[in-house]
Amino acid sequence: MDAYVVIATKGRPKEVGVLLDRLRHQTLQPKKIVVVGAGREDVTDAQFGELLNENRLQIVFAPVAGATRQRNLGLRLLRAAGAFPSDGASFVVFFDDDFRPHSDWLRHCALAFAAFTDVVGVTGRVLADGINGDPLTEAEAADFLSGQSSPRAHWASGEVIRSVSSAYGCNMAFIDRVARTCSFDEALPLYGWQEDRDFTGQSKAFGRTIYLPDCVGVHLGAKGARTKGVRLGYSQIANMIYLVGKGTVEPAVGLRFLLRALAANTVRSCLPEGSVDYRGRLAGNLRALGDLCIRRCRPERILDM
């Protein structure tokens, strides 16, 4: 089974270089990797080495920055190259530039798709995640991957395969019939909050998505180039309302996410953490709710903030 990888990146050339190095050491080598930057500075310092020499790496630049736009560009290029010719013969993986997969990630993913014919999406076990606190270092990630550090609590954890309502966007894979048909919603701008949940929702027409504990990795949660607090807070409300209206997120799930975001941002605004702007997120939440009351709450409004 052929594996293809799409990496959308902005402002993290060093992180891209480390991820590409890890992909060079996968036990199942990707047939093609597409790195989609928002500008030439996004890949300037990355070391591409033998991937370029073997013609297995393509570097392109999106005309407009944004996770959904950049991932779609990668998908379109792979489709045009004939990467997804028949059902079950290939799959596409979306890695965040700051995700560090174990060397067997792609191999275990391929085995799962071959073993479970009703499975169309896979998301892996996250040993540690720096997204909601201080980002992890490369050394810390290496310790988690080697077993020197014990895994941290995470929703994407446990030893049992299970169906999930959404893949985790930092490490998710979809079988070729999904990759040929589904696209990321470009109405979700910039960081594309919940674009993974929307894409998984689209894929449900073809089968189920599972959590696969054999696909192990670490998410650094690098803070460079991330959406600022007020924009992210607005997206936490606006994007979820939009996706519920679209039908890729169930109303009960959407309401739970909204309430959880409001509660977390309110509590943590009183106990601020240096690396996370919870006060900005809360301000964005409240602004979105205000816009909702006057019927102008839309994901793209963050572009004016």
C-alpha atoms as a PDB file:
ATOM      1  CA  MET A   1       0.000   0.000   0.000  1.00  0.00           C
ATOM      2  CA  ASP A   2       1.373   3.405  -0.995  1.00  0.00           C
ATOM      3  CA  ALA A   3       1.586   6.192   1.589  1.00  0.00           C
ATOM      4  CA  TYR A   4       1.486   9.860   0.643  1.00  0.00           C
ATOM      5  CA  VAL A   5       2.146  12.690   3.099  1.00  0.00           C
ATOM      6  CA  VAL A   6       0.968  16.317   3.054  1.00  0.00           C
ATOM      7  CA  ILE A   7       2.589  18.860   5.386  1.00  0.00           C
ATOM      8  CA  ALA A   8       1.132  22.373   5.592  1.00  0.00           C
ATOM      9  CA  THR A   9       3.549  24.789   7.252  1.00  0.00           C
ATOM     10  CA  LYS A  10       4.012  28.446   8.061  1.00  0.00           C
ATOM     11  CA  GLY A  11       6.892  30.041   9.941  1.00  0.00           C
ATOM     12  CA  ARG A  12       8.540  26.802  11.092  1.00  0.00           C
ATOM     13  CA  PRO A  13      11.358  25.805   8.721  1.00  0.00           C
ATOM     14  CA  LYS A  14      13.348  24.030  11.442  1.00  0.00           C
ATOM     15  CA  GLU A  15      10.349  21.979  12.533  1.00  0.00           C
ATOM     16  CA  VAL A  16       9.702  20.923   8.936  1.00  0.00           C
ATOM     17  CA  GLY A  17      13.307  19.773   8.622  1.00  0.00           C
ATOM     18  CA  VAL A  18      13.038  17.571  11.715  1.00  0.00           C
ATOM     19  CA  LEU A  19       9.773  16.022  10.515  1.00  0.00           C
ATOM     20  CA  LEU A  20      11.247  15.256   7.105  1.00  0.00           C
ATOM     21  CA  ASP A  21      14.186  13.584   8.789  1.00  0.00           C
ATOM     22  CA  ARG A  22      11.785  11.373  10.736  1.00  0.00           C
ATOM     23  CA  LEU A  23       9.926  10.519   7.550  1.00  0.00           C
ATOM     24  CA  ARG A  24      13.213   9.425   5.989  1.00  0.00           C
ATOM     25  CA  HIS A  25      13.436   6.800   8.735  1.00  0.00           C
ATOM     26  CA  GLN A  26       9.932   5.367   8.436  1.00  0.00           C
ATOM     27  CA  THR A  27       9.859   1.586   8.044  1.00  0.00           C
ATOM     28  CA  LEU A  28       7.267   2.125   5.310  1.00  0.00           C
ATOM     29  CA  GLN A  29       8.690   4.860   3.143  1.00  0.00           C
ATOM     30  CA  PRO A  30       6.226   7.437   1.786  1.00  0.00           C
ATOM     31  CA  LYS A  31       5.959   7.362  -1.978  1.00  0.00           C
ATOM     32  CA  LYS A  32       5.596  11.136  -2.097  1.00  0.00           C
ATOM     33  CA  ILE A  33       5.719  14.019   0.392  1.00  0.00           C
ATOM     34  CA  VAL A  34       4.211  17.394  -0.458  1.00  0.00           C
ATOM     35  CA  VAL A  35       5.320  20.312   1.715  1.00  0.00           C
ATOM     36  CA  VAL A  36       3.016  23.303   1.261  1.00  0.00           C
ATOM     37  CA  GLY A  37       4.407  26.561   2.621  1.00  0.00           C
ATOM     38  CA  ALA A  38       2.856  29.997   2.730  1.00  0.00           C
ATOM     39  CA  GLY A  39       6.115  31.628   1.577  1.00  0.00           C
ATOM     40  CA  ARG A  40       9.690  30.690   0.695  1.00  0.00           C
ATOM     41  CA  GLU A  41      10.872  31.513   4.194  1.00  0.00           C
ATOM     42  CA  ASP A  42       8.791  28.588   5.498  1.00  0.00           C
ATOM     43  CA  VAL A  43      11.202  26.014   4.124  1.00  0.00           C
ATOM     44  CA  THR A  44      14.454  27.963   3.752  1.00  0.00           C
ATOM     45  CA  ASP A  45      16.331  26.280   6.592  1.00  0.00           C
ATOM     46  CA  ALA A  46      14.909  22.777   6.236  1.00  0.00           C
ATOM     47  CA  GLN A  47      17.281  19.982   5.197  1.00  0.00           C
ATOM     48  CA  PHE A  48      15.690  17.869   2.494  1.00  0.00           C
ATOM     49  CA  GLY A  49      18.604  15.608   1.623  1.00  0.00           C
ATOM     50  CA  GLU A  50      17.938  12.365  -0.143  1.00  0.00           C
ATOM     51  CA  LEU A  51      14.186  12.942  -0.389  1.00  0.00           C
ATOM     52  CA  LEU A  52      14.856  15.566  -3.041  1.00  0.00           C
ATOM     53  CA  ASN A  53      17.452  13.407  -4.753  1.00  0.00           C
ATOM     54  CA  GLU A  54      14.992  10.532  -4.965  1.00  0.00           C
ATOM     55  CA  ASN A  55      12.259  12.813  -6.329  1.00  0.00           C
ATOM     56  CA  ARG A  56       9.969  11.877  -3.436  1.00  0.00           C
ATOM     57  CA  LEU A  57       9.568  15.420  -2.154  1.00  0.00           C
ATOM     58  CA  GLN A  58       7.642  18.291  -3.723  1.00  0.00           C
ATOM     59  CA  ILE A  59       7.794  21.801  -2.257  1.00  0.00           C
ATOM     60  CA  VAL A  60       5.108  24.297  -3.227  1.00  0.00           C
ATOM     61  CA  PHE A  61       3.794  27.602  -1.923  1.00  0.00           C
ATOM     62  CA  ALA A  62       0.147  28.477  -1.489  1.00  0.00           C
ATOM     63  CA  PRO A  63      -0.965  31.907  -2.758  1.00  0.00           C
ATOM     64  CA  VAL A  64      -2.931  32.426   0.460  1.00  0.00           C
ATOM     65  CA  ALA A  65      -1.855  31.154   3.897  1.00  0.00           C
ATOM     66  CA  GLY A  66      -4.213  28.896   5.824  1.00  0.00           C
ATOM     67  CA  ALA A  67      -4.239  25.278   6.957  1.00  0.00           C
ATOM     68  CA  THR A  68      -7.265  24.314   4.857  1.00  0.00           C
ATOM     69  CA  ARG A  69      -6.023  26.033   1.702  1.00  0.00           C
ATOM     70  CA  GLN A  70      -2.535  24.607   2.041  1.00  0.00           C
ATOM     71  CA  ARG A  71      -3.712  21.070   2.707  1.00  0.00           C
ATOM     72  CA  ASN A  72      -6.112  21.266  -0.235  1.00  0.00           C
ATOM     73  CA  LEU A  73      -3.283  22.352  -2.508  1.00  0.00           C
ATOM     74  CA  GLY A  74      -1.295  19.304  -1.430  1.00  0.00           C
ATOM     75  CA  LEU A  75      -4.300  17.057  -2.090  1.00  0.00           C
ATOM     76  CA  ARG A  76      -4.888  18.537  -5.533  1.00  0.00           C
ATOM     77  CA  LEU A  77      -1.274  18.003  -6.544  1.00  0.00           C
ATOM     78  CA  LEU A  78      -1.365  14.369  -5.441  1.00  0.00           C
ATOM     79  CA  ARG A  79      -4.640  13.763  -7.261  1.00  0.00           C
ATOM     80  CA  ALA A  80      -3.231  15.322 -10.428  1.00  0.00           C
ATOM     81  CA  ALA A  81      -0.205  13.044 -10.148  1.00  0.00           C
ATOM     82  CA  GLY A  82      -2.453   9.965  -9.985  1.00  0.00           C
ATOM     83  CA  ALA A  83      -1.683   9.158  -6.356  1.00  0.00           C
ATOM     84  CA  PHE A  84      -5.113   7.650  -5.603  1.00  0.00           C
ATOM     85  CA  PRO A  85      -5.967   5.390  -8.547  1.00  0.00           C
ATOM     86  CA  SER A  86      -8.056   2.652  -6.872  1.00  0.00           C
ATOM     87  CA  ASP A  87      -9.827   1.834  -3.628  1.00  0.00           C
ATOM     88  CA  GLY A  88      -7.592   0.476  -0.917  1.00  0.00           C
ATOM     89  CA  ALA A  89      -4.308   0.799  -2.790  1.00  0.00           C
ATOM     90  CA  SER A  90      -3.058   4.007  -1.156  1.00  0.00           C
ATOM     91  CA  PHE A  91      -3.709   6.548   1.572  1.00  0.00           C
ATOM     92  CA  VAL A  92      -2.814  10.125   2.460  1.00  0.00           C
ATOM     93  CA  VAL A  93      -1.420  11.288   5.793  1.00  0.00           C
ATOM     94  CA  PHE A  94      -1.642  14.815   7.152  1.00  0.00           C
ATOM     95  CA  PHE A  95       1.091  15.622   9.668  1.00  0.00           C
ATOM     96  CA  ASP A  96       1.489  18.954  11.410  1.00  0.00           C
ATOM     97  CA  ASP A  97       5.016  20.272  10.964  1.00  0.00           C
ATOM     98  CA  ASP A  98       5.566  19.926  14.732  1.00  0.00           C
ATOM     99  CA  PHE A  99       4.347  16.324  14.979  1.00  0.00           C
ATOM    100  CA  ARG A 100       6.976  13.650  15.608  1.00  0.00           C
ATOM    101  CA  PRO A 101       5.831  10.203  14.421  1.00  0.00           C
ATOM    102  CA  HIS A 102       7.387   6.967  15.595  1.00  0.00           C
ATOM    103  CA  SER A 103       9.318   5.217  12.820  1.00  0.00           C
ATOM    104  CA  ASP A 104       6.513   2.619  12.428  1.00  0.00           C
ATOM    105  CA  TRP A 105       3.634   5.112  12.110  1.00  0.00           C
ATOM    106  CA  LEU A 106       3.076   4.696   8.370  1.00  0.00           C
ATOM    107  CA  ARG A 107       3.540   0.916   8.427  1.00  0.00           C
ATOM    108  CA  HIS A 108       0.980   0.375  11.178  1.00  0.00           C
ATOM    109  CA  CYS A 109      -1.439   2.689   9.415  1.00  0.00           C
ATOM    110  CA  ALA A 110      -1.140   0.691   6.195  1.00  0.00           C
ATOM    111  CA  LEU A 111      -1.692  -2.565   8.087  1.00  0.00           C
ATOM    112  CA  ALA A 112      -4.857  -1.168   9.664  1.00  0.00           C
ATOM    113  CA  PHE A 113      -6.333  -0.041   6.358  1.00  0.00           C
ATOM    114  CA  ALA A 114      -5.592  -3.494   4.906  1.00  0.00           C
ATOM    115  CA  ALA A 115      -7.090  -5.312   7.886  1.00  0.00           C
ATOM    116  CA  PHE A 116     -10.284  -3.270   8.361  1.00  0.00           C
ATOM    117  CA  THR A 117     -12.056  -2.725   5.064  1.00  0.00           C
ATOM    118  CA  ASP A 118     -14.707  -0.496   6.663  1.00  0.00           C
ATOM    119  CA  VAL A 119     -12.075   1.885   8.079  1.00  0.00           C
ATOM    120  CA  VAL A 120     -11.424   4.997   5.992  1.00  0.00           C
ATOM    121  CA  GLY A 121      -9.642   7.191   8.563  1.00  0.00           C
ATOM    122  CA  VAL A 122      -6.947   6.685  11.198  1.00  0.00           C
ATOM    123  CA  THR A 123      -5.629   8.857  13.991  1.00  0.00           C
ATOM    124  CA  GLY A 124      -2.795   7.791  16.266  1.00  0.00           C
ATOM    125  CA  ARG A 125      -1.773   7.680  19.896  1.00  0.00           C
ATOM    126  CA  VAL A 126      -0.379  10.960  21.218  1.00  0.00           C
ATOM    127  CA  LEU A 127       2.211  10.282  23.915  1.00  0.00           C
ATOM    128  CA  ALA A 128       2.441  13.963  24.836  1.00  0.00           C
ATOM    129  CA  ASP A 129       0.966  17.194  23.525  1.00  0.00           C
ATOM    130  CA  GLY A 130       2.239  20.716  24.089  1.00  0.00           C
ATOM    131  CA  ILE A 131      -0.715  22.418  22.427  1.00  0.00           C
ATOM    132  CA  ASN A 132      -2.442  23.637  25.602  1.00  0.00           C
ATOM    133  CA  GLY A 133       0.599  24.592  27.633  1.00  0.00           C
ATOM    134  CA  ASP A 134       4.307  25.029  27.226  1.00  0.00           C
ATOM    135  CA  PRO A 135       5.509  23.525  23.949  1.00  0.00           C
ATOM    136  CA  LEU A 136       7.639  20.405  24.083  1.00  0.00           C
ATOM    137  CA  THR A 137      11.253  20.398  22.952  1.00  0.00           C
ATOM    138  CA  GLU A 138      12.715  18.016  20.402  1.00  0.00           C
ATOM    139  CA  ALA A 139      14.672  16.337  23.199  1.00  0.00           C
ATOM    140  CA  GLU A 140      11.504  15.806  25.224  1.00  0.00           C
ATOM    141  CA  ALA A 141       9.746  14.356  22.177  1.00  0.00           C
ATOM    142  CA  ALA A 142      12.626  11.940  21.648  1.00  0.00           C
ATOM    143  CA  ASP A 143      12.375  10.797  25.273  1.00  0.00           C
ATOM    144  CA  PHE A 144       8.659  10.073  24.914  1.00  0.00           C
ATOM    145  CA  LEU A 145       9.181   8.187  21.669  1.00  0.00           C
ATOM    146  CA  SER A 146      12.008   6.097  23.109  1.00  0.00           C
ATOM    147  CA  GLY A 147      10.059   5.245  26.264  1.00  0.00           C
ATOM    148  CA  GLN A 148      12.382   7.125  28.598  1.00  0.00           C
ATOM    149  CA  SER A 149       9.456   9.374  29.562  1.00  0.00           C
ATOM    150  CA  SER A 150       6.032   8.012  30.489  1.00  0.00           C
ATOM    151  CA  PRO A 151       3.087   9.033  28.285  1.00  0.00           C
ATOM    152  CA  ARG A 152       0.942  11.919  29.464  1.00  0.00           C
ATOM    153  CA  ALA A 153      -2.830  11.885  29.755  1.00  0.00           C
ATOM    154  CA  HIS A 154      -4.539  12.595  26.430  1.00  0.00           C
ATOM    155  CA  TRP A 155      -7.870  11.848  24.782  1.00  0.00           C
ATOM    156  CA  ALA A 156      -5.945  10.064  22.015  1.00  0.00           C
ATOM    157  CA  SER A 157      -4.461   7.410  24.280  1.00  0.00           C
ATOM    158  CA  GLY A 158      -5.070   3.862  25.455  1.00  0.00           C
ATOM    159  CA  GLU A 159      -4.239   0.389  24.189  1.00  0.00           C
ATOM    160  CA  VAL A 160      -7.538  -0.454  22.458  1.00  0.00           C
ATOM    161  CA  ILE A 161      -8.595   0.331  18.895  1.00  0.00           C
ATOM    162  CA  ARG A 162     -11.856   2.289  18.894  1.00  0.00           C
ATOM    163  CA  SER A 163     -14.040   4.304  16.558  1.00  0.00           C
ATOM    164  CA  VAL A 164     -13.783   8.084  16.976  1.00  0.00           C
ATOM    165  CA  SER A 165     -15.960  10.957  15.812  1.00  0.00           C
ATOM    166  CA  SER A 166     -12.926  12.930  14.650  1.00  0.00           C
ATOM    167  CA  ALA A 167      -9.319  12.359  13.763  1.00  0.00           C
ATOM    168  CA  TYR A 168      -6.748  14.610  15.427  1.00  0.00           C
ATOM    169  CA  GLY A 169      -5.444  16.990  12.767  1.00  0.00           C
ATOM    170  CA  CYS A 170      -1.794  16.814  13.775  1.00  0.00           C
ATOM    171  CA  ASN A 171      -1.655  13.145  12.728  1.00  0.00           C
ATOM    172  CA  MET A 172      -4.422  11.705  10.617  1.00  0.00           C
ATOM    173  CA  ALA A 173      -4.671   9.463   7.571  1.00  0.00           C
ATOM    174  CA  PHE A 174      -7.441   8.705   5.090  1.00  0.00           C
ATOM    175  CA  ILE A 175      -7.811   5.954   2.521  1.00  0.00           C
ATOM    176  CA  ASP A 176      -7.643   6.814  -1.173  1.00  0.00           C
ATOM    177  CA  ARG A 177     -11.397   6.916  -1.832  1.00  0.00           C
ATOM    178  CA  VAL A 178     -11.681   9.683   0.753  1.00  0.00           C
ATOM    179  CA  ALA A 179      -8.584  11.485  -0.558  1.00  0.00           C
ATOM    180  CA  ARG A 180     -10.069  11.500  -4.065  1.00  0.00           C
ATOM    181  CA  THR A 181     -13.375  12.984  -2.956  1.00  0.00           C
ATOM    182  CA  CYS A 182     -13.149  15.100   0.203  1.00  0.00           C
ATOM    183  CA  SER A 183     -11.542  18.504   0.659  1.00  0.00           C
ATOM    184  CA  PHE A 184     -10.879  20.818   3.574  1.00  0.00           C
ATOM    185  CA  ASP A 185     -13.374  23.639   3.946  1.00  0.00           C
ATOM    186  CA  GLU A 186     -11.622  26.861   2.961  1.00  0.00           C
ATOM    187  CA  ALA A 187     -14.315  28.891   4.716  1.00  0.00           C
ATOM    188  CA  LEU A 188     -12.294  28.052   7.856  1.00  0.00           C
ATOM    189  CA  PRO A 189      -9.399  30.540   7.524  1.00  0.00           C
ATOM    190  CA  LEU A 190      -5.883  30.697   8.967  1.00  0.00           C
ATOM    191  CA  TYR A 191      -5.372  27.960  11.592  1.00  0.00           C
ATOM    192  CA  GLY A 192      -8.613  26.304  10.417  1.00  0.00           C
ATOM    193  CA  TRP A 193      -9.953  25.465  13.870  1.00  0.00           C
ATOM    194  CA  GLN A 194     -11.824  22.098  13.718  1.00  0.00           C
ATOM    195  CA  GLU A 195     -10.961  21.460  10.080  1.00  0.00           C
ATOM    196  CA  ASP A 196     -10.031  17.926  11.127  1.00  0.00           C
ATOM    197  CA  ARG A 197     -13.513  17.327  12.583  1.00  0.00           C
ATOM    198  CA  ASP A 198     -15.128  18.669   9.401  1.00  0.00           C
ATOM    199  CA  PHE A 199     -12.959  16.495   7.141  1.00  0.00           C
ATOM    200  CA  THR A 200     -13.695  13.433   9.282  1.00  0.00           C
ATOM    201  CA  GLY A 201     -17.388  14.288   9.102  1.00  0.00           C
ATOM    202  CA  GLN A 202     -17.214  14.288   5.313  1.00  0.00           C
ATOM    203  CA  SER A 203     -15.402  10.931   5.309  1.00  0.00           C
ATOM    204  CA  LYS A 204     -18.235   9.228   7.225  1.00  0.00           C
ATOM    205  CA  ALA A 205     -20.023   8.755   3.914  1.00  0.00           C
ATOM    206  CA  PHE A 206     -17.352   6.156   3.080  1.00  0.00           C
ATOM    207  CA  GLY A 207     -16.745   4.389   6.406  1.00  0.00           C
ATOM    208  CA  ARG A 208     -15.514   4.883   9.939  1.00  0.00           C
ATOM    209  CA  THR A 209     -12.484   6.532  11.499  1.00  0.00           C
ATOM    210  CA  ILE A 210     -10.555   4.793  14.253  1.00  0.00           C
ATOM    211  CA  TYR A 211      -8.058   5.593  16.965  1.00  0.00           C
ATOM    212  CA  LEU A 212      -5.084   3.294  16.340  1.00  0.00           C
ATOM    213  CA  PRO A 213      -2.732   2.943  19.335  1.00  0.00           C
ATOM    214  CA  ASP A 214       0.033   1.433  17.187  1.00  0.00           C
ATOM    215  CA  CYS A 215       0.464   4.744  15.349  1.00  0.00           C
ATOM    216  CA  VAL A 216       2.466   6.542  18.017  1.00  0.00           C
ATOM    217  CA  GLY A 217       3.749  10.094  18.069  1.00  0.00           C
ATOM    218  CA  VAL A 218       4.334  13.349  19.954  1.00  0.00           C
ATOM    219  CA  HIS A 219       2.843  16.762  19.193  1.00  0.00           C
ATOM    220  CA  LEU A 220       5.253  19.519  20.180  1.00  0.00           C
ATOM    221  CA  GLY A 221       2.609  22.242  20.172  1.00  0.00           C
ATOM    222  CA  ALA A 222       5.066  24.793  18.781  1.00  0.00           C
ATOM    223  CA  LYS A 223       3.748  28.297  19.268  1.00  0.00           C
ATOM    224  CA  GLY A 224       5.354  30.008  16.278  1.00  0.00           C
ATOM    225  CA  ALA A 225       2.880  31.150  13.564  1.00  0.00           C
ATOM    226  CA  ARG A 226      -0.179  30.145  15.577  1.00  0.00           C
ATOM    227  CA  THR A 227      -3.343  32.222  15.501  1.00  0.00           C
ATOM    228  CA  LYS A 228      -3.392  34.880  18.229  1.00  0.00           C
ATOM    229  CA  GLY A 229      -5.701  34.439  21.212  1.00  0.00           C
ATOM    230  CA  VAL A 230      -8.631  36.634  20.184  1.00  0.00           C
ATOM    231  CA  ARG A 231      -8.776  35.092  16.711  1.00  0.00           C
ATOM    232  CA  LEU A 232      -8.614  31.562  18.058  1.00  0.00           C
ATOM    233  CA  GLY A 233     -11.291  32.335  20.630  1.00  0.00           C
ATOM    234  CA  TYR A 234     -13.565  33.694  17.912  1.00  0.00           C
ATOM    235  CA  SER A 235     -12.932  30.578  15.812  1.00  0.00           C
ATOM    236  CA  GLN A 236     -13.801  28.313  18.740  1.00  0.00           C
ATOM    237  CA  ILE A 237     -17.345  29.662  18.551  1.00  0.00           C
ATOM    238  CA  ALA A 238     -17.816  30.710  14.929  1.00  0.00           C
ATOM    239  CA  ASN A 239     -16.267  27.628  13.315  1.00  0.00           C
ATOM    240  CA  MET A 240     -18.271  25.216  15.421  1.00  0.00           C
ATOM    241  CA  ILE A 241     -21.557  27.014  14.724  1.00  0.00           C
ATOM    242  CA  TYR A 242     -20.709  26.978  11.016  1.00  0.00           C
ATOM    243  CA  LEU A 243     -19.929  23.240  10.991  1.00  0.00           C
ATOM    244  CA  VAL A 244     -23.097  22.370  12.897  1.00  0.00           C
ATOM    245  CA  GLY A 245     -25.062  24.307  10.283  1.00  0.00           C
ATOM    246  CA  LYS A 246     -23.149  22.536   7.535  1.00  0.00           C
ATOM    247  CA  GLY A 247     -23.989  19.140   9.034  1.00  0.00           C
ATOM    248  CA  THR A 248     -20.500  17.719   9.559  1.00  0.00           C
ATOM    249  CA  VAL A 249     -20.757  18.195  13.338  1.00  0.00           C
ATOM    250  CA  GLU A 250     -23.736  17.034  15.391  1.00  0.00           C
ATOM    251  CA  PRO A 251     -25.514  19.793  17.368  1.00  0.00           C
ATOM    252  CA  ALA A 252     -24.896  18.091  20.720  1.00  0.00           C
ATOM    253  CA  VAL A 253     -21.184  17.801  19.961  1.00  0.00           C
ATOM    254  CA  GLY A 254     -21.021  21.408  18.851  1.00  0.00           C
ATOM    255  CA  LEU A 255     -22.753  22.642  21.998  1.00  0.00           C
ATOM    256  CA  ARG A 256     -20.408  20.628  24.193  1.00  0.00           C
ATOM    257  CA  PHE A 257     -17.371  22.140  22.481  1.00  0.00           C
ATOM    258  CA  LEU A 258     -18.737  25.672  22.812  1.00  0.00           C
ATOM    259  CA  LEU A 259     -19.477  25.305  26.509  1.00  0.00           C
ATOM    260  CA  ARG A 260     -16.136  23.652  27.185  1.00  0.00           C
ATOM    261  CA  ALA A 261     -14.232  26.441  25.418  1.00  0.00           C
ATOM    262  CA  LEU A 262     -16.096  29.136  27.322  1.00  0.00           C
ATOM    263  CA  ALA A 263     -15.586  27.407  30.659  1.00  0.00           C
ATOM    264  CA  ALA A 264     -11.899  26.672  30.109  1.00  0.00           C
ATOM    265  CA  ASN A 265     -11.080  30.164  28.861  1.00  0.00           C
ATOM    266  CA  THR A 266     -12.991  31.787  31.719  1.00  0.00           C
ATOM    267  CA  VAL A 267     -11.284  29.761  34.424  1.00  0.00           C
ATOM    268  CA  ARG A 268      -7.829  29.982  32.921  1.00  0.00           C
ATOM    269  CA  SER A 269      -8.131  33.716  32.337  1.00  0.00           C
ATOM    270  CA  CYS A 270      -8.093  34.035  36.121  1.00  0.00           C
ATOM    271  CA  LEU A 271      -4.938  31.901  36.310  1.00  0.00           C
ATOM    272  CA  PRO A 272      -3.049  32.997  33.181  1.00  0.00           C
ATOM    273  CA  GLU A 273      -0.270  30.853  31.712  1.00  0.00           C
ATOM    274  CA  GLY A 274       2.653  32.584  30.045  1.00  0.00           C
ATOM    275  CA  SER A 275       2.530  30.689  26.743  1.00  0.00           C
ATOM    276  CA  VAL A 276      -1.243  30.674  26.186  1.00  0.00           C
ATOM    277  CA  ASP A 277      -3.393  33.802  25.783  1.00  0.00           C
ATOM    278  CA  TYR A 278      -6.561  32.591  27.529  1.00  0.00           C
ATOM    279  CA  ARG A 279      -7.781  36.134  28.111  1.00  0.00           C
ATOM    280  CA  GLY A 280      -7.545  36.786  24.389  1.00  0.00           C
ATOM    281  CA  ARG A 281      -9.395  33.548  23.680  1.00  0.00           C
ATOM    282  CA  LEU A 282     -12.184  34.516  26.085  1.00  0.00           C
ATOM    283  CA  ALA A 283     -12.453  37.939  24.455  1.00  0.00           C
ATOM    284  CA  GLY A 284     -12.763  36.191  21.091  1.00  0.00           C
ATOM    285  CA  ASN A 285     -15.439  33.839  22.464  1.00  0.00           C
ATOM    286  CA  LEU A 286     -17.501  36.774  23.720  1.00  0.00           C
ATOM    287  CA  ARG A 287     -17.082  38.712  20.495  1.00  0.00           C
ATOM    288  CA  ALA A 288     -18.331  35.727  18.496  1.00  0.00           C
ATOM    289  CA  LEU A 289     -21.347  35.312  20.777  1.00  0.00           C
ATOM    290  CA  GLY A 290     -22.096  39.004  20.351  1.00  0.00           C
ATOM    291  CA  ASP A 291     -21.910  38.619  16.580  1.00  0.00           C
ATOM    292  CA  LEU A 292     -24.164  35.568  16.812  1.00  0.00           C
ATOM    293  CA  CYS A 293     -26.845  37.695  18.469  1.00  0.00           C
ATOM    294  CA  ILE A 294     -26.845  40.070  15.511  1.00  0.00           C
ATOM    295  CA  ARG A 295     -26.476  37.270  12.944  1.00  0.00           C
ATOM    296  CA  ARG A 296     -23.031  38.118  11.622  1.00  0.00           C
ATOM    297  CA  CYS A 297     -20.983  35.366  13.259  1.00  0.00           C
ATOM    298  CA  ARG A 298     -18.896  33.841  10.464  1.00  0.00           C
ATOM    299  CA  PRO A 299     -15.514  32.059  10.510  1.00  0.00           C
ATOM    300  CA  GLU A 300     -13.902  34.482   8.041  1.00  0.00           C
ATOM    301  CA  ARG A 301     -14.461  37.481  10.347  1.00  0.00           C
ATOM    302  CA  ILE A 302     -11.171  36.658  12.084  1.00  0.00           C
ATOM    303  CA  LEU A 303      -9.384  37.996   9.000  1.00  0.00           C
ATOM    304  CA  ASP A 304     -10.415  41.498  10.097  1.00  0.00           C
ATOM    305  CA  MET A 305      -9.131  41.098  13.666  1.00  0.00           C
END
